[in-house]
Amino acid sequence: MNKKEQLLIPSPVEDRISSISEEELSFRGWTRDLMRERFLERMRLDLNSPQVGEEAPDFELELLSKNGERSGQKLKLSSLRGKPTGLIFGSYT
């Protein structure tokens, strides 16, 4: 990334960073500058990620059984084309 492409922290995020109490910063072992650096690094890592409204990249997942065990069956995202599909990423544990 060149200097012309320098990332800026969005105002709502900067407002949140600015409003965090010294007590919370101390508890977490953070500084405001460290929080800004971490957020900017995350933004840099996300530059090549799909953006809202873009087509999701195709991928394949293994289906789990009703008991939550591996089934050996695979599902490709592209097999759901034209069907309402929600993608939720995260941990449920």
N, C-alpha and C. Protein backbone atom coordinates (compact mmCIF):
# COMPACT_ATOMS: atom_id res chain seq x y z
N MET A 1 0.85 -1.17 0.00
CA MET A 1 0.00 0.00 0.00
C MET A 1 0.89 1.23 0.00
N ASN A 2 0.60 2.18 -0.88
CA ASN A 2 1.41 3.39 -0.90
C ASN A 2 0.78 4.46 -0.01
N LYS A 3 1.47 5.58 0.14
CA LYS A 3 1.01 6.61 1.06
C LYS A 3 -0.33 7.22 0.64
N LYS A 4 -0.61 7.25 -0.67
CA LYS A 4 -1.87 7.79 -1.14
C LYS A 4 -3.05 6.92 -0.70
N GLU A 5 -2.78 5.63 -0.44
CA GLU A 5 -3.82 4.69 -0.05
C GLU A 5 -3.88 4.50 1.47
N GLN A 6 -3.37 5.43 2.22
CA GLN A 6 -3.32 5.29 3.67
C GLN A 6 -4.73 5.17 4.23
N LEU A 7 -4.92 4.19 5.11
CA LEU A 7 -6.23 3.94 5.70
C LEU A 7 -6.49 4.90 6.84
N LEU A 8 -7.74 5.28 6.99
CA LEU A 8 -8.18 6.13 8.09
C LEU A 8 -9.21 5.38 8.91
N ILE A 9 -9.13 5.53 10.20
CA ILE A 9 -10.09 4.89 11.09
C ILE A 9 -11.44 5.60 10.94
N PRO A 10 -12.52 4.84 10.72
CA PRO A 10 -13.85 5.46 10.59
C PRO A 10 -14.22 6.21 11.87
N SER A 11 -14.95 7.30 11.72
CA SER A 11 -15.32 8.15 12.86
C SER A 11 -15.99 7.39 14.00
N PRO A 12 -16.96 6.49 13.75
CA PRO A 12 -17.58 5.77 14.88
C PRO A 12 -16.57 4.95 15.69
N VAL A 13 -15.58 4.39 15.01
CA VAL A 13 -14.57 3.59 15.70
C VAL A 13 -13.66 4.51 16.50
N GLU A 14 -13.25 5.61 15.90
CA GLU A 14 -12.40 6.58 16.61
C GLU A 14 -13.14 7.13 17.82
N ASP A 15 -14.44 7.41 17.67
CA ASP A 15 -15.23 7.89 18.81
C ASP A 15 -15.25 6.87 19.94
N ARG A 16 -15.38 5.58 19.59
CA ARG A 16 -15.40 4.53 20.61
C ARG A 16 -14.04 4.43 21.31
N ILE A 17 -12.98 4.47 20.52
CA ILE A 17 -11.63 4.40 21.10
C ILE A 17 -11.40 5.58 22.04
N SER A 18 -11.83 6.75 21.63
CA SER A 18 -11.65 7.96 22.44
C SER A 18 -12.46 7.93 23.73
N SER A 19 -13.58 7.20 23.70
CA SER A 19 -14.47 7.22 24.87
C SER A 19 -14.15 6.13 25.90
N ILE A 20 -13.24 5.22 25.59
CA ILE A 20 -12.91 4.16 26.54
C ILE A 20 -12.20 4.75 27.75
N SER A 21 -12.63 4.32 28.91
CA SER A 21 -12.06 4.87 30.15
C SER A 21 -10.63 4.39 30.36
N GLU A 22 -9.89 5.17 31.11
CA GLU A 22 -8.51 4.78 31.46
C GLU A 22 -8.53 3.48 32.25
N GLU A 23 -9.56 3.29 33.06
CA GLU A 23 -9.68 2.07 33.85
C GLU A 23 -9.80 0.84 32.95
N GLU A 24 -10.64 0.93 31.92
CA GLU A 24 -10.80 -0.20 30.99
C GLU A 24 -9.52 -0.44 30.21
N LEU A 25 -8.88 0.62 29.75
CA LEU A 25 -7.62 0.46 29.03
C LEU A 25 -6.59 -0.25 29.90
N SER A 26 -6.49 0.18 31.14
CA SER A 26 -5.54 -0.41 32.08
C SER A 26 -5.87 -1.88 32.31
N PHE A 27 -7.15 -2.18 32.51
CA PHE A 27 -7.60 -3.55 32.76
C PHE A 27 -7.20 -4.46 31.60
N ARG A 28 -7.34 -3.98 30.37
CA ARG A 28 -7.03 -4.77 29.18
C ARG A 28 -5.55 -4.74 28.82
N GLY A 29 -4.79 -3.85 29.43
CA GLY A 29 -3.38 -3.73 29.10
C GLY A 29 -3.16 -3.06 27.75
N TRP A 30 -4.09 -2.20 27.34
CA TRP A 30 -4.03 -1.52 26.06
C TRP A 30 -3.75 -0.05 26.24
N THR A 31 -3.40 0.58 25.14
CA THR A 31 -3.37 2.03 25.05
C THR A 31 -4.27 2.40 23.86
N ARG A 32 -4.66 3.64 23.79
CA ARG A 32 -5.48 4.06 22.64
C ARG A 32 -4.71 3.90 21.33
N ASP A 33 -3.42 4.21 21.36
CA ASP A 33 -2.61 4.06 20.15
C ASP A 33 -2.53 2.60 19.71
N LEU A 34 -2.40 1.68 20.67
CA LEU A 34 -2.36 0.26 20.34
C LEU A 34 -3.69 -0.17 19.73
N MET A 35 -4.81 0.31 20.28
CA MET A 35 -6.11 -0.02 19.72
C MET A 35 -6.22 0.48 18.28
N ARG A 36 -5.75 1.70 18.03
CA ARG A 36 -5.79 2.24 16.67
C ARG A 36 -4.92 1.40 15.73
N GLU A 37 -3.72 1.03 16.18
CA GLU A 37 -2.82 0.21 15.35
C GLU A 37 -3.48 -1.13 15.01
N ARG A 38 -4.10 -1.76 16.01
CA ARG A 38 -4.74 -3.06 15.78
C ARG A 38 -5.91 -2.93 14.81
N PHE A 39 -6.69 -1.86 14.95
CA PHE A 39 -7.83 -1.68 14.04
C PHE A 39 -7.34 -1.44 12.62
N LEU A 40 -6.30 -0.61 12.45
CA LEU A 40 -5.76 -0.34 11.12
C LEU A 40 -5.18 -1.61 10.50
N GLU A 41 -4.54 -2.44 11.30
CA GLU A 41 -4.01 -3.71 10.79
C GLU A 41 -5.15 -4.60 10.31
N ARG A 42 -6.24 -4.63 11.06
CA ARG A 42 -7.41 -5.41 10.65
C ARG A 42 -7.97 -4.88 9.34
N MET A 43 -8.01 -3.56 9.19
CA MET A 43 -8.49 -2.97 7.94
C MET A 43 -7.59 -3.35 6.77
N ARG A 44 -6.28 -3.36 7.01
CA ARG A 44 -5.34 -3.75 5.95
C ARG A 44 -5.57 -5.21 5.54
N LEU A 45 -5.77 -6.08 6.53
CA LEU A 45 -6.01 -7.50 6.23
C LEU A 45 -7.32 -7.71 5.48
N ASP A 46 -8.30 -6.84 5.71
CA ASP A 46 -9.61 -6.97 5.08
C ASP A 46 -9.70 -6.34 3.69
N LEU A 47 -8.65 -5.68 3.23
CA LEU A 47 -8.70 -5.02 1.93
C LEU A 47 -9.07 -5.96 0.79
N ASN A 48 -8.61 -7.20 0.85
CA ASN A 48 -8.88 -8.17 -0.22
C ASN A 48 -10.07 -9.07 0.08
N SER A 49 -10.77 -8.80 1.18
CA SER A 49 -11.95 -9.60 1.53
C SER A 49 -13.15 -9.17 0.69
N PRO A 50 -14.10 -10.08 0.47
CA PRO A 50 -15.31 -9.69 -0.24
C PRO A 50 -16.01 -8.55 0.51
N GLN A 51 -16.57 -7.64 -0.23
CA GLN A 51 -17.26 -6.49 0.35
C GLN A 51 -18.77 -6.69 0.27
N VAL A 52 -19.50 -5.96 1.07
CA VAL A 52 -20.96 -6.04 1.07
C VAL A 52 -21.46 -5.84 -0.36
N GLY A 53 -22.33 -6.73 -0.80
CA GLY A 53 -22.90 -6.64 -2.14
C GLY A 53 -22.14 -7.41 -3.20
N GLU A 54 -20.90 -7.80 -2.90
CA GLU A 54 -20.13 -8.58 -3.86
C GLU A 54 -20.52 -10.05 -3.77
N GLU A 55 -20.28 -10.78 -4.84
CA GLU A 55 -20.55 -12.21 -4.84
C GLU A 55 -19.55 -12.92 -3.93
N ALA A 56 -20.04 -13.82 -3.11
CA ALA A 56 -19.16 -14.56 -2.21
C ALA A 56 -18.32 -15.56 -3.00
N PRO A 57 -17.08 -15.78 -2.61
CA PRO A 57 -16.27 -16.79 -3.29
C PRO A 57 -16.85 -18.18 -3.03
N ASP A 58 -16.74 -19.07 -3.99
CA ASP A 58 -17.26 -20.42 -3.82
C ASP A 58 -16.37 -21.19 -2.85
N PHE A 59 -16.98 -22.00 -2.02
CA PHE A 59 -16.23 -22.85 -1.11
C PHE A 59 -17.05 -24.09 -0.82
N GLU A 60 -16.40 -25.08 -0.23
CA GLU A 60 -17.03 -26.36 0.07
C GLU A 60 -16.88 -26.66 1.55
N LEU A 61 -17.94 -27.16 2.15
CA LEU A 61 -17.94 -27.53 3.57
C LEU A 61 -18.45 -28.94 3.73
N GLU A 62 -18.02 -29.56 4.81
CA GLU A 62 -18.57 -30.88 5.14
C GLU A 62 -19.82 -30.69 5.98
N LEU A 63 -20.87 -31.44 5.61
CA LEU A 63 -22.12 -31.40 6.37
C LEU A 63 -21.96 -32.24 7.63
N LEU A 64 -22.60 -31.80 8.68
CA LEU A 64 -22.60 -32.57 9.93
C LEU A 64 -23.91 -33.35 10.04
N SER A 65 -23.86 -34.46 10.76
CA SER A 65 -25.07 -35.25 10.99
C SER A 65 -25.94 -34.51 12.02
N LYS A 66 -27.13 -35.04 12.26
CA LYS A 66 -28.03 -34.43 13.25
C LYS A 66 -27.40 -34.46 14.65
N ASN A 67 -26.46 -35.37 14.86
CA ASN A 67 -25.76 -35.47 16.14
C ASN A 67 -24.54 -34.57 16.20
N GLY A 68 -24.27 -33.84 15.12
CA GLY A 68 -23.11 -32.96 15.09
C GLY A 68 -21.83 -33.66 14.71
N GLU A 69 -21.95 -34.88 14.20
CA GLU A 69 -20.76 -35.64 13.80
C GLU A 69 -20.49 -35.45 12.32
N ARG A 70 -19.25 -35.69 11.92
CA ARG A 70 -18.87 -35.57 10.51
C ARG A 70 -19.64 -36.60 9.69
N SER A 71 -20.13 -36.19 8.54
CA SER A 71 -20.94 -37.08 7.71
C SER A 71 -20.21 -37.57 6.47
N GLY A 72 -19.16 -36.87 6.07
CA GLY A 72 -18.48 -37.20 4.83
C GLY A 72 -19.14 -36.57 3.62
N GLN A 73 -20.33 -36.03 3.77
CA GLN A 73 -21.03 -35.35 2.67
C GLN A 73 -20.53 -33.92 2.56
N LYS A 74 -20.41 -33.45 1.32
CA LYS A 74 -19.90 -32.10 1.07
C LYS A 74 -21.00 -31.24 0.46
N LEU A 75 -20.91 -29.94 0.68
CA LEU A 75 -21.83 -28.97 0.11
C LEU A 75 -21.01 -27.80 -0.41
N LYS A 76 -21.22 -27.45 -1.69
CA LYS A 76 -20.55 -26.28 -2.27
C LYS A 76 -21.52 -25.10 -2.22
N LEU A 77 -21.00 -23.96 -1.89
CA LEU A 77 -21.83 -22.76 -1.87
C LEU A 77 -22.52 -22.55 -3.22
N SER A 78 -21.81 -22.79 -4.31
CA SER A 78 -22.39 -22.58 -5.64
C SER A 78 -23.60 -23.46 -5.90
N SER A 79 -23.75 -24.57 -5.17
CA SER A 79 -24.93 -25.44 -5.36
C SER A 79 -26.19 -24.78 -4.83
N LEU A 80 -26.05 -23.70 -4.09
CA LEU A 80 -27.20 -23.00 -3.53
C LEU A 80 -27.59 -21.77 -4.34
N ARG A 81 -26.91 -21.55 -5.48
CA ARG A 81 -27.18 -20.38 -6.32
C ARG A 81 -28.67 -20.29 -6.65
N GLY A 82 -29.23 -19.11 -6.46
CA GLY A 82 -30.64 -18.88 -6.75
C GLY A 82 -31.56 -19.18 -5.58
N LYS A 83 -31.01 -19.73 -4.51
CA LYS A 83 -31.81 -20.05 -3.32
C LYS A 83 -31.43 -19.06 -2.22
N PRO A 84 -32.39 -18.60 -1.45
CA PRO A 84 -32.03 -17.71 -0.33
C PRO A 84 -31.06 -18.41 0.60
N THR A 85 -29.94 -17.78 0.85
CA THR A 85 -28.88 -18.39 1.65
C THR A 85 -28.26 -17.34 2.57
N GLY A 86 -28.14 -17.66 3.82
CA GLY A 86 -27.46 -16.76 4.76
C GLY A 86 -26.14 -17.37 5.18
N LEU A 87 -25.10 -16.56 5.17
CA LEU A 87 -23.79 -17.02 5.62
C LEU A 87 -23.49 -16.34 6.95
N ILE A 88 -23.31 -17.15 7.97
CA ILE A 88 -23.00 -16.64 9.29
C ILE A 88 -21.69 -17.27 9.73
N PHE A 89 -20.69 -16.42 9.95
CA PHE A 89 -19.38 -16.90 10.36
C PHE A 89 -19.17 -16.56 11.82
N GLY A 90 -18.69 -17.51 12.57
CA GLY A 90 -18.41 -17.26 13.97
C GLY A 90 -18.47 -18.55 14.75
N SER A 91 -18.27 -18.43 16.01
CA SER A 91 -18.27 -19.60 16.89
C SER A 91 -19.58 -19.66 17.67
N TYR A 92 -20.09 -20.84 17.80
CA TYR A 92 -21.31 -21.06 18.57
C TYR A 92 -21.00 -21.86 19.84
N THR A 93 -19.74 -21.86 20.23
CA THR A 93 -19.38 -22.62 21.42
C THR A 93 -19.15 -21.69 22.59
